Amino acid sequence: MKSYIGSFGYQFRLVEFMIRSSLAVSLGIIAYVTFYGVFW
């Protein structure tokens, strides 16, 4: 049971990391497009 909870926590951290990385990538793309639009 404890190992099952541990694996579930690992999957939850993995999903949280994926969500944060996708948010960071989308924010970076928005910042890049804004930067590119301002200077061109």
Protein backbone atom coordinates (compact mmCIF):
# COMPACT_ATOMS: atom_id res chain seq x y z
CA MET A 1 0.00 0.00 0.00
CA LYS A 2 2.80 2.39 0.88
CA SER A 3 4.61 1.68 -2.39
CA TYR A 4 1.35 2.31 -4.27
CA ILE A 5 0.99 5.71 -2.59
CA GLY A 6 4.63 6.46 -3.39
CA SER A 7 4.17 5.65 -7.08
CA PHE A 8 1.02 7.79 -7.18
CA GLY A 9 2.91 10.70 -5.61
CA TYR A 10 5.68 10.25 -8.20
CA GLN A 11 3.16 10.36 -11.05
CA PHE A 12 1.54 13.45 -9.52
CA ARG A 13 4.92 15.20 -9.33
CA LEU A 14 5.60 14.20 -12.94
CA VAL A 15 2.26 15.65 -14.08
CA GLU A 16 2.90 18.82 -12.06
CA PHE A 17 6.34 19.15 -13.66
CA MET A 18 4.82 18.69 -17.14
CA ILE A 19 2.17 21.35 -16.42
CA ARG A 20 4.79 23.80 -15.13
CA SER A 21 7.12 23.16 -18.06
CA SER A 22 4.30 23.62 -20.59
CA LEU A 23 3.26 26.87 -18.86
CA ALA A 24 6.88 28.06 -18.92
CA VAL A 25 7.19 27.20 -22.63
CA SER A 26 3.94 28.98 -23.51
CA LEU A 27 5.00 32.04 -21.49
CA GLY A 28 8.38 31.99 -23.21
CA ILE A 29 6.76 31.83 -26.65
CA ILE A 30 4.44 34.73 -25.76
CA ALA A 31 7.39 36.77 -24.45
CA TYR A 32 9.43 35.93 -27.57
CA VAL A 33 6.60 36.93 -29.93
CA THR A 34 6.04 40.17 -27.99
CA PHE A 35 9.77 40.92 -28.00
CA TYR A 36 10.01 40.14 -31.72
CA GLY A 37 6.94 42.26 -32.49
CA VAL A 38 8.25 45.23 -30.51
CA PHE A 39 11.67 45.27 -32.19
CA TRP A 40 10.42 44.57 -35.71
